[in-house]
Each structure stands twice: as structure tokens, then as C-alpha cells.
Amino acid sequence: MNYYVLVTVLLSAIVAFTAVKWVYFKVLKIAKEKNLVDNPDARKLQKSPVPVVGGLAVFFGVVFGLLMGIVIYYAFNQDVTGSATLFTSTRLLPVVLGMVIMLYVGTLDDILGLTPKSRFIIEILVVLGLIFASGSCIDSLHGLWGVYQFSWWIAVPLTVFAGVGIINAINMVDGVNGLSSGLCVTCSLLFGLAFLNAKDVTNAILAFSMSAALLPFFVHNVFGKSSRMFIGDAGTMVMGVLMTWFVICTMHDGGYIYATSGNYCMTAFVLAFLAVPVADTLRVMTMRMMQGKSPFEPDKTHLHHAFVGLGISHSITALTEIFINLLVVGVWYLLVLLGMSVECQLYVVILVAAVLVWGTYFFLLHEQKSASRKAQWLRRFSVKTHLGSTEWWQRLSLWLDAPEYDEVELRNLRERLKRKFTNN
């Protein structure tokens, strides 16, 4: 790997991270002053209104990191000709424009509320825009079942179906603090490493910029109190269209990842990276349709609802689902190392994802209604997962929330916290 490429990717990630840290409290202040909040109701898990425009801060960081990364890459790579440089940079124009549209639509949905039908139509148009503006779509199975490139009459509808599904899957897992952002941090890192391995520098910069931009938001959302801010539909739709772009780049004929190894099953590859959101959404939507409901009708049947229903804290719920996702990826990579066929990789990934995601959901659902020793142990364990009352957690929260207070108020809060744990 070219040393300059690694430096470029690292610097773009640092810029994205720094940009979000700088703008985060400014966006938070606007949200609070303008009452741009997500209010609790029977379906939602928060107990009080929470600002809901975190996606604006994340998008700012991603675009800033991407811009600086491309500039740095061109400055370092003197061997790249002007025409090649232009081609490399303009490749990302369709996805950046798609992210802008999704940010705008998601923000409207967060503030005003849009119908599922209107969102659905816009998502289809954005995915079609990605396809025809980039000239790429899911038009090859790279040897799975002996299928390589196939007609765009099949590829375009398949890509639209997959893209809209991914966007909604990312949106629908956004139910507990840090879950959707944490999953997208790991997915972006994994895709970024894969793109680096395939020498796709521009997509690697984009992936690592997204991962770095999400980190400050993830930390505030999980550990903060007054600084907590939801990523909102604006953020999940931006993340969804970015994940769709990565899948398209991976699955189109001559995809960058496939070029590095003939033993990779690209379909298993993308399913493993997105195992939790895709598997959980498929189960939820199937159960809704079996009950005669709309697949887009909101309810409390997601995997994270089952964890919280048993009393597990939001942070442990998010970390557990991220671990499940990484476990599926680990199984897939083990199959690659063992030289398993591409068909075997796909079947095992689907089986493992179903067992871990669906199996965990039905297990937790059963234990909620059970009085067995195992259920009693789980309930005792769930109490221990709520770390918000511990000293280290509250001190971390106060440190993260500090810019929200003036010096006098901050000093008083620290004194109260000190007295509280000294007396205990």
C-alpha cells in the first residue's frame, strides 16, 4: 500500500472528526433554541425530548473530510496525470449529490414529517440517480451459481430494490442510543479497509471520513446527557445512501473488491457487512405483513426493542448488536481463509445471520415471558448494564456536556457530583 494513500486517508479522517467536534454544539444549540426535538411517545424509548438534527453535523464532517482528503491525495500523488485526477474526483459526485438530497428529505421528515409513500418515491429516484449518473449498478454476481454479468433490465430493478432496502434498514434500526451510528461506524471501517485493499482511494477516503465523522456523535449520544442528540432521519438516510453506494461499487461488473481475490463471494461480503440491519428489517417487515399490516408501519418489534424490553441498557444493546454484526463478518472471512466455495460462503452467512439476529430476538422475547432461572439471571444482569449512576459514567457525561454550561454552572455541577459520591 502506497504510504501517501495511508497518510491521505488518515488525514481525511482526522479532518472529518475535528469538523464534527467543532460544529456539534453549534448544531445542538440551534436545535434546542428552535425546538427541533424528537418528543417521546408510546413507540419511542426516550423519556424526554431530544434534539434530532445530529445528521447535519455528521454530514458536515463527511463532506469536509472528503474534500480535504481529495486535495491532499492530489498534492501527494505527483505521478497521477491531470485527466486521471479529474476522473478519480468526479466519480464521487453522484453519491455526494445523493447524500445532499437525502439530508434535505430527512431533515424535512424530522421537522415536518413526511408520508412513507413520498419518502419511498424519493429513495427510488435517488438510487436511480446513483445508477445512471455513475454508470454502475449491481450487474454481476461474480461467479455465484456460475452467474457473472447480466442485463441491466434485471440489474437496475435489483439495485433499486437493494438500495431502498438498505436505506430503510439503516433507518429502522435507529431505535436506541448509538445503535445505527455504531453499526455504520463499523460498516464504514470495514468497507474502507476493503477499498484500501483494492486500491480504490476515493471510496476509501469517503468510508473513513464517514466513520470518523460518526465517532463524536456516537460518543455524545451514548455517554452524554444534555449534549445528547439523535442522528434523525437526515442522518440515517445519508448513511443509508452511502452504504448503498458502497454495495454498488462492490457488486458491479469489475467491482473493486472482486479484483483482489477470486475466492470472495461478493453477495456474502455485503450481506455480512450489513447483517444486523438487513436481517432484522427483513424479519420485522415479514412479521408485519403476516399480521396484515403495512411493512412500513412503526412498532416495537425490532431486536433492540427485545433487548430493552428485558431491561438491558441502551449502550449494552447497541454494543451487543454491533458485536453480532462483527461476528457474522468474522465467520464470512474465516470461510474465505478456509477456501470455501462462493456458494458455501453465501449459505453460511445467511444461516449465521438468521440464527444470531432472528434467534436472539425470539430468545429474548421468550425470556421476557418466562419465569425460569435463566430469565431471572438475565433480569439481574440487565440491572447491572445500567451504568448511568456510576461515578466514572457521570464524570464522563459531565466532561462531554461541559460546553453546554457556563463556568459557574459547570463548577457547581462538579461540586455536587463530588459530594454525591463522597457521601456514598
Protein backbone atom coordinates (compact mmCIF):
# COMPACT_ATOMS: atom_id res chain seq x y z
CA MET A 1 0.00 0.00 0.00
CA ASN A 2 1.31 3.43 -1.00
CA TYR A 3 2.45 5.38 2.08
CA TYR A 4 0.85 8.57 0.73
CA VAL A 5 -2.51 6.82 0.40
CA LEU A 6 -2.47 5.84 4.08
CA VAL A 7 -1.50 9.39 5.09
CA THR A 8 -4.29 10.80 2.91
CA VAL A 9 -6.92 8.51 4.41
CA LEU A 10 -5.74 9.19 7.96
CA LEU A 11 -5.69 12.97 7.49
CA SER A 12 -9.15 12.98 5.88
CA ALA A 13 -10.50 11.01 8.85
CA ILE A 14 -8.88 13.46 11.31
CA VAL A 15 -10.39 16.41 9.43
CA ALA A 16 -13.85 14.78 9.45
CA PHE A 17 -13.60 14.03 13.18
CA THR A 18 -12.42 17.56 14.02
CA ALA A 19 -15.09 19.19 11.85
CA VAL A 20 -17.88 17.33 13.66
CA LYS A 21 -16.42 18.18 17.07
CA TRP A 22 -16.30 21.85 16.07
CA VAL A 23 -19.83 22.07 14.68
CA TYR A 24 -21.58 19.65 17.06
CA PHE A 25 -22.53 22.08 19.86
CA LYS A 26 -23.44 24.79 17.37
CA VAL A 27 -25.99 22.48 15.74
CA LEU A 28 -27.16 21.35 19.19
CA LYS A 29 -27.73 24.95 20.29
CA ILE A 30 -29.80 25.71 17.17
CA ALA A 31 -31.87 22.56 17.68
CA LYS A 32 -32.67 23.49 21.29
CA GLU A 33 -33.44 27.13 20.52
CA LYS A 34 -35.72 26.23 17.61
CA ASN A 35 -37.26 23.24 19.43
CA LEU A 36 -36.11 20.77 16.76
CA VAL A 37 -36.58 17.77 19.02
CA ASP A 38 -37.90 14.23 18.96
CA ASN A 39 -40.72 14.02 21.51
CA PRO A 40 -41.37 10.75 23.38
CA ASP A 41 -44.46 8.68 22.61
CA ALA A 42 -45.73 5.13 23.16
CA ARG A 43 -43.44 3.70 20.45
CA LYS A 44 -40.22 5.56 21.29
CA LEU A 45 -37.82 4.63 24.04
CA GLN A 46 -36.61 8.02 25.28
CA LYS A 47 -38.27 9.62 28.29
CA SER A 48 -37.81 13.30 27.34
CA PRO A 49 -37.46 15.43 24.18
CA VAL A 50 -34.08 15.05 22.46
CA PRO A 51 -32.64 17.24 19.67
CA VAL A 52 -32.93 15.33 16.41
CA VAL A 53 -30.66 17.03 13.85
CA GLY A 54 -27.38 15.21 14.51
CA GLY A 55 -27.29 14.17 10.86
CA LEU A 56 -26.45 17.77 9.92
CA ALA A 57 -23.25 17.65 11.99
CA VAL A 58 -22.25 14.25 10.63
CA PHE A 59 -22.83 15.31 7.01
CA PHE A 60 -20.71 18.42 7.54
CA GLY A 61 -17.83 16.27 8.79
CA VAL A 62 -18.09 13.72 5.98
CA VAL A 63 -18.04 16.33 3.21
CA PHE A 64 -15.26 18.32 4.86
CA GLY A 65 -13.14 15.19 5.33
CA LEU A 66 -13.81 14.03 1.77
CA LEU A 67 -12.89 17.42 0.29
CA MET A 68 -9.65 17.69 2.26
CA GLY A 69 -8.79 14.05 1.54
CA ILE A 70 -9.08 14.52 -2.21
CA VAL A 71 -6.99 17.71 -2.09
CA ILE A 72 -4.29 16.00 -0.01
CA TYR A 73 -4.29 12.95 -2.27
CA TYR A 74 -3.74 15.05 -5.39
CA ALA A 75 -0.99 17.05 -3.67
CA PHE A 76 0.89 13.90 -2.59
CA ASN A 77 0.45 11.84 -5.78
CA GLN A 78 2.62 13.57 -8.32
CA ASP A 79 2.53 10.53 -10.63
CA VAL A 80 -1.21 10.93 -11.30
CA THR A 81 -1.97 12.77 -14.52
CA GLY A 82 -4.45 15.63 -14.65
CA SER A 83 -7.06 13.61 -16.59
CA ALA A 84 -6.82 10.66 -14.22
CA THR A 85 -7.10 13.03 -11.29
CA LEU A 86 -10.27 14.56 -12.65
CA PHE A 87 -11.78 11.14 -13.29
CA THR A 88 -11.00 9.99 -9.76
CA SER A 89 -12.56 13.01 -8.10
CA THR A 90 -15.72 13.19 -10.23
CA ARG A 91 -16.53 9.53 -9.52
CA LEU A 92 -17.94 10.55 -6.15
CA LEU A 93 -20.18 13.33 -7.47
CA PRO A 94 -23.32 11.08 -7.76
CA VAL A 95 -23.10 9.80 -4.19
CA VAL A 96 -22.38 13.26 -2.73
CA LEU A 97 -25.43 14.67 -4.54
CA GLY A 98 -27.47 11.69 -3.34
CA MET A 99 -26.37 12.38 0.24
CA VAL A 100 -27.38 16.04 -0.13
CA ILE A 101 -30.89 15.05 -1.31
CA MET A 102 -31.27 12.51 1.49
CA LEU A 103 -30.07 15.07 4.05
CA TYR A 104 -32.68 17.56 2.86
CA VAL A 105 -35.50 15.00 2.74
CA GLY A 106 -34.55 13.52 6.11
CA THR A 107 -34.43 16.95 7.73
CA LEU A 108 -37.91 17.71 6.38
CA ASP A 109 -39.09 14.40 7.79
CA ASP A 110 -37.52 15.14 11.19
CA ILE A 111 -39.09 18.61 11.41
CA LEU A 112 -42.38 18.34 9.50
CA GLY A 113 -42.95 14.62 8.97
CA LEU A 114 -43.28 13.05 5.52
CA THR A 115 -45.52 10.19 4.43
CA PRO A 116 -43.85 6.79 3.85
CA LYS A 117 -45.03 6.95 0.21
CA SER A 118 -43.26 10.25 -0.52
CA ARG A 119 -40.06 9.06 1.15
CA PHE A 120 -40.25 5.78 -0.77
CA ILE A 121 -40.56 7.58 -4.11
CA ILE A 122 -37.64 9.91 -3.35
CA GLU A 123 -35.47 6.97 -2.28
CA ILE A 124 -36.18 5.21 -5.58
CA LEU A 125 -35.30 8.35 -7.56
CA VAL A 126 -32.05 8.83 -5.63
CA VAL A 127 -30.95 5.23 -6.20
CA LEU A 128 -31.81 5.57 -9.91
CA GLY A 129 -29.72 8.75 -9.93
CA LEU A 130 -26.77 6.85 -8.42
CA ILE A 131 -27.09 4.17 -11.08
CA PHE A 132 -27.30 6.30 -14.20
CA ALA A 133 -25.01 9.13 -13.06
CA SER A 134 -22.23 6.71 -12.08
CA GLY A 135 -22.85 4.09 -14.78
CA SER A 136 -22.68 1.38 -12.12
CA CYS A 137 -25.20 -0.96 -10.54
CA ILE A 138 -25.47 -4.49 -9.16
CA ASP A 139 -24.99 -6.17 -12.55
CA SER A 140 -22.82 -9.15 -11.65
CA LEU A 141 -22.79 -12.00 -9.13
CA HIS A 142 -19.07 -12.53 -9.76
CA GLY A 143 -19.38 -16.29 -10.34
CA LEU A 144 -22.02 -17.14 -7.73
CA TRP A 145 -24.04 -20.06 -9.19
CA GLY A 146 -21.99 -19.57 -12.34
CA VAL A 147 -23.51 -16.11 -12.96
CA TYR A 148 -21.29 -13.22 -13.93
CA GLN A 149 -22.51 -10.07 -15.68
CA PHE A 150 -26.23 -9.87 -16.51
CA SER A 151 -28.57 -7.48 -18.29
CA TRP A 152 -29.33 -4.02 -16.91
CA TRP A 153 -33.02 -4.82 -17.41
CA ILE A 154 -32.52 -7.07 -14.37
CA ALA A 155 -29.70 -5.15 -12.73
CA VAL A 156 -31.44 -1.78 -12.40
CA PRO A 157 -34.60 -3.09 -10.63
CA LEU A 158 -32.37 -5.29 -8.44
CA THR A 159 -30.19 -2.32 -7.48
CA VAL A 160 -33.21 -0.13 -6.73
CA PHE A 161 -34.73 -2.88 -4.56
CA ALA A 162 -31.45 -3.42 -2.69
CA GLY A 163 -30.74 0.32 -2.31
CA VAL A 164 -34.17 1.25 -0.98
CA GLY A 165 -33.98 -1.77 1.32
CA ILE A 166 -30.60 -0.71 2.73
CA ILE A 167 -31.71 2.90 3.28
CA ASN A 168 -34.79 1.76 5.18
CA ALA A 169 -32.88 -0.91 7.09
CA ILE A 170 -30.41 1.69 8.44
CA ASN A 171 -33.33 3.97 9.30
CA MET A 172 -35.33 1.28 11.06
CA VAL A 173 -32.54 0.13 13.41
CA ASP A 174 -32.21 3.68 14.73
CA GLY A 175 -34.03 2.99 17.98
CA VAL A 176 -31.54 3.10 20.86
CA ASN A 177 -28.64 5.42 21.64
CA GLY A 178 -25.64 4.70 19.42
CA LEU A 179 -27.03 1.72 17.50
CA SER A 180 -27.38 2.99 13.94
CA SER A 181 -24.30 5.22 14.21
CA GLY A 182 -22.26 2.46 15.84
CA LEU A 183 -23.22 -0.05 13.15
CA CYS A 184 -22.35 2.44 10.42
CA VAL A 185 -19.01 3.24 12.06
CA THR A 186 -18.06 -0.44 11.88
CA CYS A 187 -19.52 -0.94 8.38
CA SER A 188 -17.71 2.14 7.05
CA LEU A 189 -14.44 0.96 8.59
CA LEU A 190 -14.84 -2.49 7.06
CA PHE A 191 -15.72 -1.11 3.64
CA GLY A 192 -12.85 1.37 3.93
CA LEU A 193 -10.34 -1.39 4.63
CA ALA A 194 -11.69 -3.37 1.69
CA PHE A 195 -11.43 -0.36 -0.61
CA LEU A 196 -7.86 0.28 0.56
CA ASN A 197 -7.01 -3.33 -0.20
CA ALA A 198 -8.47 -2.86 -3.68
CA LYS A 199 -6.61 0.46 -4.15
CA ASP A 200 -9.90 2.38 -4.54
CA VAL A 201 -8.59 5.51 -2.82
CA THR A 202 -11.55 7.87 -3.28
CA ASN A 203 -14.07 5.41 -1.82
CA ALA A 204 -11.63 4.63 1.00
CA ILE A 205 -11.42 8.35 1.84
CA LEU A 206 -15.22 8.56 1.82
CA ALA A 207 -15.63 5.46 4.02
CA PHE A 208 -13.08 6.53 6.63
CA SER A 209 -14.42 10.10 6.64
CA MET A 210 -17.91 8.77 7.42
CA SER A 211 -16.59 6.53 10.19
CA ALA A 212 -14.58 9.36 11.77
CA ALA A 213 -17.45 11.86 11.43
CA LEU A 214 -19.79 9.49 13.27
CA LEU A 215 -17.45 8.93 16.23
CA PRO A 216 -18.04 12.24 18.11
CA PHE A 217 -21.77 11.89 17.54
CA PHE A 218 -21.71 8.27 18.78
CA VAL A 219 -19.81 9.20 21.97
CA HIS A 220 -22.14 12.11 22.83
CA ASN A 221 -25.23 10.05 22.03
CA VAL A 222 -24.18 7.15 24.26
CA PHE A 223 -22.40 8.90 27.16
CA GLY A 224 -23.73 12.46 27.11
CA LYS A 225 -26.81 13.83 28.85
CA SER A 226 -27.50 17.45 27.94
CA SER A 227 -25.23 17.04 24.89
CA ARG A 228 -27.14 14.02 23.58
CA MET A 229 -28.55 14.45 20.10
CA PHE A 230 -30.28 11.92 17.85
CA ILE A 231 -28.98 11.48 14.32
CA GLY A 232 -32.55 11.63 12.99
CA ASP A 233 -33.89 10.57 9.61
CA ALA A 234 -31.50 13.06 7.98
CA GLY A 235 -28.54 11.13 9.36
CA THR A 236 -29.86 7.60 8.80
CA MET A 237 -30.87 8.38 5.21
CA VAL A 238 -27.42 9.84 4.48
CA MET A 239 -25.80 6.75 5.99
CA GLY A 240 -28.19 4.52 4.06
CA VAL A 241 -27.42 6.04 0.67
CA LEU A 242 -23.69 5.84 1.44
CA MET A 243 -23.97 2.13 2.32
CA THR A 244 -25.94 1.66 -0.92
CA TRP A 245 -23.12 3.32 -2.86
CA PHE A 246 -20.54 1.01 -1.28
CA VAL A 247 -22.62 -2.03 -2.20
CA ILE A 248 -22.99 -0.82 -5.81
CA CYS A 249 -19.22 -0.23 -6.08
CA THR A 250 -18.62 -3.71 -4.73
CA MET A 251 -21.20 -5.58 -6.79
CA HIS A 252 -20.98 -4.00 -10.24
CA ASP A 253 -19.18 -5.83 -13.04
CA GLY A 254 -15.44 -5.46 -12.43
CA GLY A 255 -16.07 -4.36 -8.83
CA TYR A 256 -13.00 -3.19 -6.96
CA ILE A 257 -13.10 -5.78 -4.19
CA TYR A 258 -13.59 -8.70 -6.54
CA ALA A 259 -10.44 -7.75 -8.42
CA THR A 260 -8.32 -8.64 -5.36
CA SER A 261 -9.41 -12.26 -4.94
CA GLY A 262 -11.35 -14.83 -6.90
CA ASN A 263 -12.43 -16.58 -3.70
CA TYR A 264 -14.60 -13.74 -2.37
CA CYS A 265 -18.36 -14.17 -2.61
CA MET A 266 -19.39 -10.56 -3.09
CA THR A 267 -23.02 -11.22 -2.17
CA ALA A 268 -21.95 -12.84 1.11
CA PHE A 269 -19.47 -10.00 1.58
CA VAL A 270 -22.09 -7.23 1.55
CA LEU A 271 -24.67 -9.30 3.47
CA ALA A 272 -22.13 -9.97 6.23
CA PHE A 273 -21.17 -6.29 6.49
CA LEU A 274 -24.86 -5.28 6.80
CA ALA A 275 -26.07 -8.42 8.59
CA VAL A 276 -27.87 -6.90 11.58
CA PRO A 277 -29.82 -4.08 9.89
CA VAL A 278 -30.77 -6.22 6.86
CA ALA A 279 -31.71 -9.38 8.77
CA ASP A 280 -33.63 -7.51 11.46
CA THR A 281 -35.54 -5.40 8.93
CA LEU A 282 -36.47 -8.45 6.83
CA ARG A 283 -37.87 -10.19 9.92
CA VAL A 284 -39.78 -7.12 11.11
CA MET A 285 -41.33 -6.38 7.72
CA THR A 286 -42.25 -10.02 7.15
CA MET A 287 -43.95 -10.25 10.56
CA ARG A 288 -45.89 -7.04 9.88
CA MET A 289 -47.15 -8.29 6.51
CA MET A 290 -48.11 -11.66 8.03
CA GLN A 291 -50.25 -9.72 10.53
CA GLY A 292 -51.93 -7.80 7.70
CA LYS A 293 -50.07 -4.55 8.47
CA SER A 294 -48.06 -2.26 6.24
CA PRO A 295 -44.35 -3.23 6.28
CA PHE A 296 -43.56 0.43 6.99
CA GLU A 297 -45.95 0.76 9.95
CA PRO A 298 -43.83 1.57 13.02
CA ASP A 299 -44.00 -0.74 16.03
CA LYS A 300 -41.78 -2.14 18.80
CA THR A 301 -40.74 -5.48 17.27
CA HIS A 302 -37.10 -4.77 16.42
CA LEU A 303 -34.21 -6.64 18.02
CA HIS A 304 -33.27 -3.59 20.09
CA HIS A 305 -36.83 -3.46 21.46
CA ALA A 306 -36.43 -7.05 22.68
CA PHE A 307 -33.19 -6.16 24.49
CA VAL A 308 -34.70 -3.05 26.10
CA GLY A 309 -37.90 -4.98 26.95
CA LEU A 310 -35.82 -7.31 29.08
CA GLY A 311 -34.26 -4.33 30.84
CA ILE A 312 -30.91 -4.23 29.03
CA SER A 313 -29.46 -0.72 28.79
CA HIS A 314 -29.24 1.16 25.51
CA SER A 315 -25.43 1.11 25.48
CA ILE A 316 -25.17 -2.66 26.03
CA THR A 317 -27.92 -3.23 23.45
CA ALA A 318 -26.01 -1.22 20.84
CA LEU A 319 -22.68 -2.89 21.64
CA THR A 320 -24.24 -6.37 21.52
CA GLU A 321 -25.78 -5.81 18.11
CA ILE A 322 -22.51 -4.37 16.79
CA PHE A 323 -20.72 -7.46 18.14
CA ILE A 324 -23.25 -9.73 16.39
CA ASN A 325 -22.60 -7.91 13.12
CA LEU A 326 -18.83 -8.27 13.53
CA LEU A 327 -19.26 -11.95 14.38
CA VAL A 328 -21.06 -12.56 11.08
CA VAL A 329 -18.24 -10.75 9.24
CA GLY A 330 -15.70 -12.88 11.10
CA VAL A 331 -17.47 -16.09 10.08
CA TRP A 332 -17.52 -14.97 6.44
CA TYR A 333 -13.81 -14.12 6.48
CA LEU A 334 -12.99 -17.47 8.10
CA LEU A 335 -14.80 -19.22 5.25
CA VAL A 336 -12.68 -17.25 2.76
CA LEU A 337 -9.47 -18.26 4.55
CA LEU A 338 -10.61 -21.90 4.53
CA GLY A 339 -11.11 -21.71 0.77
CA MET A 340 -14.84 -22.44 0.87
CA SER A 341 -16.79 -22.04 -2.35
CA VAL A 342 -18.63 -18.81 -3.02
CA GLU A 343 -21.96 -20.64 -2.72
CA CYS A 344 -20.98 -22.07 0.67
CA GLN A 345 -19.98 -18.60 1.87
CA LEU A 346 -23.41 -17.21 0.98
CA TYR A 347 -25.40 -20.05 2.56
CA VAL A 348 -23.40 -19.99 5.80
CA VAL A 349 -23.58 -16.18 6.11
CA ILE A 350 -27.37 -16.24 5.66
CA LEU A 351 -27.68 -19.07 8.19
CA VAL A 352 -25.42 -17.42 10.78
CA ALA A 353 -27.14 -14.03 10.39
CA ALA A 354 -30.58 -15.64 10.78
CA VAL A 355 -29.53 -17.63 13.85
CA LEU A 356 -27.80 -14.70 15.57
CA VAL A 357 -30.29 -11.95 14.71
CA TRP A 358 -33.62 -13.77 14.50
CA GLY A 359 -32.64 -16.37 17.10
CA THR A 360 -31.60 -13.70 19.60
CA TYR A 361 -34.87 -11.80 19.09
CA PHE A 362 -37.11 -14.83 19.70
CA PHE A 363 -34.93 -15.98 22.61
CA LEU A 364 -35.24 -12.59 24.33
CA LEU A 365 -38.96 -12.46 23.59
CA HIS A 366 -39.40 -15.88 25.19
CA GLU A 367 -37.34 -14.94 28.25
CA GLN A 368 -39.44 -11.80 28.84
CA LYS A 369 -42.44 -14.05 29.44
CA SER A 370 -40.55 -16.78 31.27
CA ALA A 371 -40.03 -17.32 35.00
CA SER A 372 -37.10 -19.72 34.56
CA ARG A 373 -33.77 -19.36 36.35
CA LYS A 374 -32.20 -18.24 33.12
CA ALA A 375 -34.77 -15.46 32.77
CA GLN A 376 -34.21 -14.40 36.37
CA TRP A 377 -30.44 -14.27 35.78
CA LEU A 378 -30.98 -12.17 32.65
CA ARG A 379 -33.14 -9.72 34.60
CA ARG A 380 -30.48 -9.40 37.31
CA PHE A 381 -27.83 -8.94 34.62
CA SER A 382 -29.93 -6.28 32.88
CA VAL A 383 -29.93 -4.16 36.06
CA LYS A 384 -26.11 -4.25 36.10
CA THR A 385 -25.93 -2.97 32.50
CA HIS A 386 -27.35 0.40 33.53
CA LEU A 387 -24.11 2.23 34.27
CA GLY A 388 -25.51 5.77 34.23
CA SER A 389 -25.46 6.04 38.02
CA THR A 390 -21.78 5.07 38.37
CA GLU A 391 -19.20 7.74 39.18
CA TRP A 392 -16.99 7.25 36.10
CA TRP A 393 -20.00 7.40 33.76
CA GLN A 394 -21.36 10.59 35.32
CA ARG A 395 -17.93 12.24 35.26
CA LEU A 396 -17.56 11.29 31.60
CA SER A 397 -21.03 12.67 30.87
CA LEU A 398 -20.21 15.92 32.65
CA TRP A 399 -16.95 16.27 30.68
CA LEU A 400 -18.80 15.67 27.37
CA ASP A 401 -21.60 18.08 28.34
CA ALA A 402 -19.22 20.80 29.60
CA PRO A 403 -19.58 23.17 26.59
CA GLU A 404 -23.31 23.33 27.37
CA TYR A 405 -22.66 25.10 30.70
CA ASP A 406 -21.04 28.36 31.74
CA GLU A 407 -18.09 28.24 34.15
CA VAL A 408 -20.12 28.86 37.32
CA GLU A 409 -22.75 26.25 36.49
CA LEU A 410 -20.08 23.74 35.50
CA ARG A 411 -18.20 24.26 38.77
CA ASN A 412 -21.42 23.76 40.77
CA LEU A 413 -22.22 20.58 38.89
CA ARG A 414 -18.76 19.20 39.60
CA GLU A 415 -19.09 20.04 43.29
CA ARG A 416 -22.49 18.32 43.54
CA LEU A 417 -21.10 15.26 41.76
CA LYS A 418 -18.11 15.17 44.10
CA ARG A 419 -20.30 15.44 47.24
CA LYS A 420 -22.69 12.79 45.94
CA PHE A 421 -20.04 10.09 45.53
CA THR A 422 -18.06 11.16 48.60
CA ASN A 423 -21.16 10.69 50.77
CA ASN A 424 -21.89 7.32 49.16
